[in-house]
């Protein structure tokens, strides 16, 4: 028989005989519940300490790679870093010259070189039979060129004198300034040709 005062004391304190000695009012936590609570608290702390920042391969706890200094996601010099310290160089220098670059000084002009410009006298001219062209210099530094084939029957000019280009066949004569007919049977002036003086040479274009 349990004395009455002992039962009353147990009912007031909420302690049930045979338990693990929990003295708090209400249900007592079990050992499994306590362990589960501790585990969840530790997991929450671990997750709170984790970082989502990408860490390079071989980095230490501080997130830095030993022996690598000043590496970033992209350097200002145009080098892109990669895991392990390697890099990919991005070169922006042009490999070709832009169109429209000036030609080298002293470059030869396209065409046929007839001879030295100094060979053509002022007020006269010179006949280049191989090229079938006659070049005159009516005034200093002014060069004119015409076909050396007469427009009458196709004879080649033989002389430049007294301001005219002369044909030996039928006495045809042409002006050194524009190739116009001065005398003889030629029906039309001499066709003009295009020449240019390059580095002291007369070039037929």
Protein backbone atom coordinates (compact mmCIF):
# COMPACT_ATOMS: atom_id res chain seq x y z
CA UNK A 1 0.00 0.00 0.00
CA UNK A 2 1.32 3.45 -0.96
CA UNK A 3 0.62 6.18 1.46
CA UNK A 4 -1.84 8.85 0.32
CA UNK A 5 0.55 11.74 0.70
CA UNK A 6 3.08 10.00 -1.56
CA UNK A 7 0.51 9.58 -4.39
CA UNK A 8 -0.60 13.16 -4.05
CA UNK A 9 3.00 14.39 -4.32
CA UNK A 10 3.63 12.35 -7.48
CA UNK A 11 0.46 13.56 -9.17
CA UNK A 12 1.21 17.21 -8.40
CA UNK A 13 4.81 17.04 -9.68
CA UNK A 14 3.90 15.17 -12.88
CA UNK A 15 6.55 12.53 -12.23
CA UNK A 16 5.56 9.05 -13.15
CA UNK A 17 7.24 6.20 -11.32
CA UNK A 18 9.56 4.14 -13.53
CA UNK A 19 10.66 6.96 -15.87
CA UNK A 20 14.24 8.14 -16.47
CA UNK A 21 14.02 10.81 -13.83
CA UNK A 22 12.54 13.67 -15.86
CA UNK A 23 11.46 16.24 -13.33
CA UNK A 24 9.85 18.75 -15.80
CA UNK A 25 6.08 18.94 -16.10
CA UNK A 26 4.59 17.46 -19.30
CA UNK A 27 6.04 14.80 -21.60
CA UNK A 28 9.76 14.08 -21.21
CA UNK A 29 12.06 13.98 -24.29
CA UNK A 30 13.38 10.58 -25.26
CA UNK A 31 17.01 9.79 -26.01
CA UNK A 32 16.27 9.43 -29.73
CA UNK A 33 14.60 12.84 -29.85
CA UNK A 34 17.55 14.47 -28.14
CA UNK A 35 20.04 12.96 -30.59
CA UNK A 36 17.90 13.94 -33.57
CA UNK A 37 17.72 17.55 -32.35
CA UNK A 38 21.48 17.73 -31.92
CA UNK A 39 22.05 16.31 -35.42
CA UNK A 40 19.69 18.82 -37.05
CA UNK A 41 21.35 21.71 -35.20
CA UNK A 42 24.79 20.60 -36.39
CA UNK A 43 23.58 20.22 -40.00
CA UNK A 44 22.10 23.72 -39.96
CA UNK A 45 25.38 25.18 -38.73
CA UNK A 46 27.32 23.33 -41.42
CA UNK A 47 25.00 24.58 -44.17
CA UNK A 48 25.24 28.13 -42.84
CA UNK A 49 29.03 27.97 -43.12
CA UNK A 50 29.01 26.75 -46.74
CA UNK A 51 29.66 29.18 -49.62
CA UNK A 52 28.34 29.00 -53.16
CA UNK A 53 31.38 30.88 -54.58
CA UNK A 54 33.36 28.87 -57.14
CA UNK A 55 36.75 27.81 -55.80
CA UNK A 56 39.68 27.00 -58.15
CA UNK A 57 41.11 23.52 -58.23
CA UNK A 58 43.79 23.06 -55.56
CA UNK A 59 42.64 26.03 -53.45
CA UNK A 60 43.19 26.03 -49.70
CA UNK A 61 40.59 26.72 -47.01
CA UNK A 62 40.77 30.45 -47.68
CA UNK A 63 39.86 29.85 -51.36
CA UNK A 64 43.27 30.89 -52.75
CA UNK A 65 45.57 28.79 -54.93
CA UNK A 66 49.05 28.53 -53.32
CA UNK A 67 51.74 30.25 -55.45
CA UNK A 68 49.27 32.10 -57.72
CA UNK A 69 49.04 35.85 -57.31
CA UNK A 70 46.76 38.34 -59.04
CA UNK A 71 44.73 35.71 -60.90
CA UNK A 72 41.13 36.62 -61.60
CA UNK A 73 38.34 35.56 -63.82
CA UNK A 74 39.68 37.82 -66.57
CA UNK A 75 42.87 39.88 -66.50
CA UNK A 76 42.98 43.33 -68.03
CA UNK A 77 45.81 42.30 -70.32
CA UNK A 78 43.44 40.13 -72.35
CA UNK A 79 44.35 36.78 -70.70
CA UNK A 80 41.47 34.61 -69.49
CA UNK A 81 42.40 32.42 -66.52
CA UNK A 82 41.38 28.79 -66.24
CA UNK A 83 41.43 26.29 -63.38
CA UNK A 84 44.96 25.19 -62.53
CA UNK A 85 46.58 28.53 -63.33
CA UNK A 86 46.56 28.12 -67.14
CA UNK A 87 45.39 30.91 -69.42
CA UNK A 88 44.12 31.61 -72.89
CA UNK A 89 45.65 34.64 -74.59
CA UNK A 90 43.24 36.83 -76.56
CA UNK A 91 45.25 38.72 -79.14
CA UNK A 92 43.61 41.74 -80.71
CA UNK A 93 46.46 42.82 -82.89
CA UNK A 94 45.62 42.88 -86.62
CA UNK A 95 47.39 40.38 -88.84
CA UNK A 96 46.86 42.22 -92.10
CA UNK A 97 47.39 45.78 -93.23
CA UNK A 98 44.13 47.70 -93.74
CA UNK A 99 43.01 48.32 -97.31
CA UNK A 100 44.09 51.61 -98.82
CA UNK A 101 47.61 51.56 -97.32
CA UNK A 102 50.03 53.85 -99.19
CA UNK A 103 52.35 52.15 -101.66
CA UNK A 104 56.04 51.96 -100.91
CA UNK A 105 58.05 54.92 -102.08
CA UNK A 106 59.86 54.30 -105.36
CA UNK A 107 57.44 51.61 -106.53
CA UNK A 108 57.41 51.11 -110.30
CA UNK A 109 54.34 52.19 -112.24
CA UNK A 110 52.56 49.57 -114.33
CA UNK A 111 53.28 49.99 -118.03
CA UNK A 112 56.11 49.90 -120.58
CA UNK A 113 59.22 51.94 -119.89
CA UNK A 114 60.19 53.75 -123.10
CA UNK A 115 63.33 55.53 -121.96
CA UNK A 116 64.73 58.45 -120.01
CA UNK A 117 62.71 61.63 -119.97
CA UNK A 118 65.94 63.57 -120.49
CA UNK A 119 66.22 62.06 -124.00
CA UNK A 120 63.19 64.07 -125.18
CA UNK A 121 64.17 67.65 -126.12
CA UNK A 122 62.00 70.62 -125.21
CA UNK A 123 60.13 71.74 -128.37
CA UNK A 124 60.83 68.40 -130.03
CA UNK A 125 60.26 64.72 -129.47
CA UNK A 126 61.50 61.16 -129.83
CA UNK A 127 60.13 58.24 -131.86
CA UNK A 128 60.03 54.78 -130.22
CA UNK A 129 59.60 52.50 -133.25
CA UNK A 130 59.34 49.24 -131.25
CA UNK A 131 56.44 50.57 -129.18
CA UNK A 132 55.06 52.45 -132.25
CA UNK A 133 54.71 55.68 -130.27
CA UNK A 134 56.18 59.17 -130.49
CA UNK A 135 56.67 61.27 -127.34
CA UNK A 136 57.02 65.05 -127.52
CA UNK A 137 57.79 67.82 -125.04
CA UNK A 138 56.13 71.00 -126.32
CA UNK A 139 57.06 72.85 -123.10
CA UNK A 140 59.43 71.96 -120.29
CA UNK A 141 57.95 69.20 -118.14
CA UNK A 142 54.93 68.79 -120.46
CA UNK A 143 54.96 65.42 -122.22
CA UNK A 144 52.63 64.34 -125.01
CA UNK A 145 52.42 61.00 -126.77
CA UNK A 146 50.85 59.90 -130.08
CA UNK A 147 50.75 56.87 -132.30
CA UNK A 148 53.84 56.76 -134.55
CA UNK A 149 51.81 55.26 -137.41
CA UNK A 150 50.69 57.72 -140.06
CA UNK A 151 46.93 57.88 -140.62
CA UNK A 152 47.46 58.02 -144.40
CA UNK A 153 48.81 54.60 -145.45
CA UNK A 154 50.36 53.36 -142.18
CA UNK A 155 53.97 54.40 -142.53
CA UNK A 156 56.05 54.88 -139.37
CA UNK A 157 57.10 58.41 -138.48
CA UNK A 158 60.75 59.16 -139.13
CA UNK A 159 61.52 62.52 -137.51
CA UNK A 160 60.41 65.20 -135.05
CA UNK A 161 61.65 68.67 -136.06
CA UNK A 162 60.53 72.27 -136.22
CA UNK A 163 57.43 71.59 -134.10
CA UNK A 164 56.11 68.76 -136.31
CA UNK A 165 56.12 64.98 -136.45
CA UNK A 166 57.06 64.00 -140.02
CA UNK A 167 56.09 60.97 -142.11
CA UNK A 168 58.72 59.90 -144.74
CA UNK A 169 56.24 58.36 -147.22
CA UNK A 170 54.07 61.18 -148.61
CA UNK A 171 55.15 64.29 -146.71
CA UNK A 172 52.56 64.14 -143.98
CA UNK A 173 53.20 66.38 -140.95
CA UNK A 174 51.51 66.56 -137.51
CA UNK A 175 51.72 69.06 -134.64
CA UNK A 176 53.75 68.04 -131.58
CA UNK A 177 51.18 69.66 -129.27
CA UNK A 178 48.04 67.73 -130.26
CA UNK A 179 48.87 65.49 -133.25
CA UNK A 180 46.75 67.54 -135.66
CA UNK A 181 47.53 67.39 -139.42
CA UNK A 182 49.74 70.29 -140.59
CA UNK A 183 50.57 69.19 -144.16
CA UNK A 184 50.26 66.26 -146.62
CA UNK A 185 47.54 63.77 -147.42
CA UNK A 186 46.82 62.31 -143.93
CA UNK A 187 43.01 62.41 -143.43
CA UNK A 188 43.05 62.57 -139.58
CA UNK A 189 45.31 63.50 -136.66
CA UNK A 190 47.54 61.02 -134.89
CA UNK A 191 45.73 59.10 -132.11
CA UNK A 192 46.88 60.22 -128.65
CA UNK A 193 48.59 57.80 -126.29
CA UNK A 194 48.98 58.05 -122.50
CA UNK A 195 52.42 58.35 -120.91
CA UNK A 196 53.74 59.20 -117.46
CA UNK A 197 57.16 60.12 -116.11
CA UNK A 198 58.11 57.88 -113.16
CA UNK A 199 61.51 58.27 -111.47
CA UNK A 200 62.86 60.07 -114.55
CA UNK A 201 61.59 57.39 -116.95
CA UNK A 202 58.86 57.79 -119.56
CA UNK A 203 56.31 55.01 -119.06
CA UNK A 204 53.70 54.11 -121.67
CA UNK A 205 50.46 53.28 -119.84
